[in-house]
């Protein structure tokens, strides 16, 4: 992966976006970026991953988890 690569986990709710950068390192070195304490007021939450990498980079993304911590 090149040094100018950009990877980020993002969450959008209540018209606001929070994001956390992370890096791909090597095979089977799983990353677990986390955005904690997202307060959803309008009943809508969008989560995703943005990736900008060179042509020879690759990886997979799976297992998004949401935990309700309070009302």
C-alpha atoms as a PDB file:
ATOM      1  CA  UNK A   1       0.000   0.000   0.000  1.00  0.00           C
ATOM      2  CA  UNK A   2       1.301   3.447  -0.803  1.00  0.00           C
ATOM      3  CA  UNK A   3       1.781   6.161   1.786  1.00  0.00           C
ATOM      4  CA  UNK A   4      -0.934   8.308   0.159  1.00  0.00           C
ATOM      5  CA  UNK A   5      -3.640   5.676   0.730  1.00  0.00           C
ATOM      6  CA  UNK A   6      -6.686   6.758   2.713  1.00  0.00           C
ATOM      7  CA  UNK A   7      -8.984   4.353   4.558  1.00  0.00           C
ATOM      8  CA  UNK A   8     -11.669   5.427   6.993  1.00  0.00           C
ATOM      9  CA  UNK A   9     -14.683   4.049   8.795  1.00  0.00           C
ATOM     10  CA  UNK A  10     -17.496   6.597   8.848  1.00  0.00           C
ATOM     11  CA  UNK A  11     -20.887   7.047  10.475  1.00  0.00           C
ATOM     12  CA  UNK A  12     -23.485   9.646   9.471  1.00  0.00           C
ATOM     13  CA  UNK A  13     -26.418  10.516  11.703  1.00  0.00           C
ATOM     14  CA  UNK A  14     -28.325  13.658  12.667  1.00  0.00           C
ATOM     15  CA  UNK A  15     -26.688  15.475   9.735  1.00  0.00           C
ATOM     16  CA  UNK A  16     -23.212  14.923  11.229  1.00  0.00           C
ATOM     17  CA  UNK A  17     -20.378  12.684  10.068  1.00  0.00           C
ATOM     18  CA  UNK A  18     -17.812  11.046  12.319  1.00  0.00           C
ATOM     19  CA  UNK A  19     -14.848   9.184  10.865  1.00  0.00           C
ATOM     20  CA  UNK A  20     -11.900   7.133  12.060  1.00  0.00           C
ATOM     21  CA  UNK A  21      -8.847   6.489   9.852  1.00  0.00           C
ATOM     22  CA  UNK A  22      -7.220   3.057   9.708  1.00  0.00           C
ATOM     23  CA  UNK A  23      -4.530   1.274   7.686  1.00  0.00           C
ATOM     24  CA  UNK A  24      -4.175  -1.976   5.810  1.00  0.00           C
ATOM     25  CA  UNK A  25      -0.934  -3.532   6.926  1.00  0.00           C
ATOM     26  CA  UNK A  26      -0.411  -7.160   5.890  1.00  0.00           C
ATOM     27  CA  UNK A  27      -2.289 -10.366   5.192  1.00  0.00           C
ATOM     28  CA  UNK A  28      -4.452 -11.539   8.123  1.00  0.00           C
ATOM     29  CA  UNK A  29      -3.570  -8.479  10.232  1.00  0.00           C
ATOM     30  CA  UNK A  30      -7.193  -7.540  10.921  1.00  0.00           C
ATOM     31  CA  UNK A  31      -7.979  -3.957  11.837  1.00  0.00           C
ATOM     32  CA  UNK A  32     -10.961  -3.055  14.014  1.00  0.00           C
ATOM     33  CA  UNK A  33     -11.626   0.669  13.701  1.00  0.00           C
ATOM     34  CA  UNK A  34     -14.324   1.854  16.101  1.00  0.00           C
ATOM     35  CA  UNK A  35     -16.556   4.893  16.387  1.00  0.00           C
ATOM     36  CA  UNK A  36     -17.953   4.928  19.899  1.00  0.00           C
ATOM     37  CA  UNK A  37     -20.991   6.601  21.401  1.00  0.00           C
ATOM     38  CA  UNK A  38     -22.887   7.585  18.255  1.00  0.00           C
ATOM     39  CA  UNK A  39     -26.086   9.305  19.369  1.00  0.00           C
ATOM     40  CA  UNK A  40     -28.891   8.637  16.872  1.00  0.00           C
ATOM     41  CA  UNK A  41     -31.704  11.168  17.262  1.00  0.00           C
ATOM     42  CA  UNK A  42     -33.507  11.007  13.894  1.00  0.00           C
ATOM     43  CA  UNK A  43     -33.700   7.156  13.670  1.00  0.00           C
ATOM     44  CA  UNK A  44     -31.262   7.091  10.715  1.00  0.00           C
ATOM     45  CA  UNK A  45     -27.671   5.871  10.738  1.00  0.00           C
ATOM     46  CA  UNK A  46     -25.422   5.304   7.730  1.00  0.00           C
ATOM     47  CA  UNK A  47     -22.126   3.465   8.218  1.00  0.00           C
ATOM     48  CA  UNK A  48     -19.476   2.597   5.686  1.00  0.00           C
ATOM     49  CA  UNK A  49     -15.827   2.481   4.705  1.00  0.00           C
ATOM     50  CA  UNK A  50     -14.065   4.788   2.264  1.00  0.00           C
ATOM     51  CA  UNK A  51     -10.924   3.546   0.548  1.00  0.00           C
ATOM     52  CA  UNK A  52      -8.422   5.279  -1.714  1.00  0.00           C
ATOM     53  CA  UNK A  53      -5.542   2.918  -2.519  1.00  0.00           C
ATOM     54  CA  UNK A  54      -3.068   2.300  -5.300  1.00  0.00           C
ATOM     55  CA  UNK A  55      -3.832  -0.187  -8.064  1.00  0.00           C
ATOM     56  CA  UNK A  56      -2.072  -3.112  -6.366  1.00  0.00           C
ATOM     57  CA  UNK A  57      -3.715  -2.847  -2.945  1.00  0.00           C
ATOM     58  CA  UNK A  58      -6.506  -5.158  -1.895  1.00  0.00           C
ATOM     59  CA  UNK A  59      -8.464  -6.141   1.181  1.00  0.00           C
ATOM     60  CA  UNK A  60     -11.887  -7.104   2.467  1.00  0.00           C
ATOM     61  CA  UNK A  61     -14.393  -5.436   4.755  1.00  0.00           C
ATOM     62  CA  UNK A  62     -17.012  -7.308   6.745  1.00  0.00           C
ATOM     63  CA  UNK A  63     -18.669  -7.786  10.106  1.00  0.00           C
ATOM     64  CA  UNK A  64     -19.995  -4.356  10.977  1.00  0.00           C
ATOM     65  CA  UNK A  65     -21.425  -4.456  14.490  1.00  0.00           C
ATOM     66  CA  UNK A  66     -23.722  -1.994  16.261  1.00  0.00           C
ATOM     67  CA  UNK A  67     -24.314  -2.155  19.999  1.00  0.00           C
ATOM     68  CA  UNK A  68     -27.162  -0.269  21.648  1.00  0.00           C
ATOM     69  CA  UNK A  69     -25.875   1.142  24.933  1.00  0.00           C
ATOM     70  CA  UNK A  70     -28.864   3.229  26.075  1.00  0.00           C
ATOM     71  CA  UNK A  71     -32.072   4.985  25.061  1.00  0.00           C
END
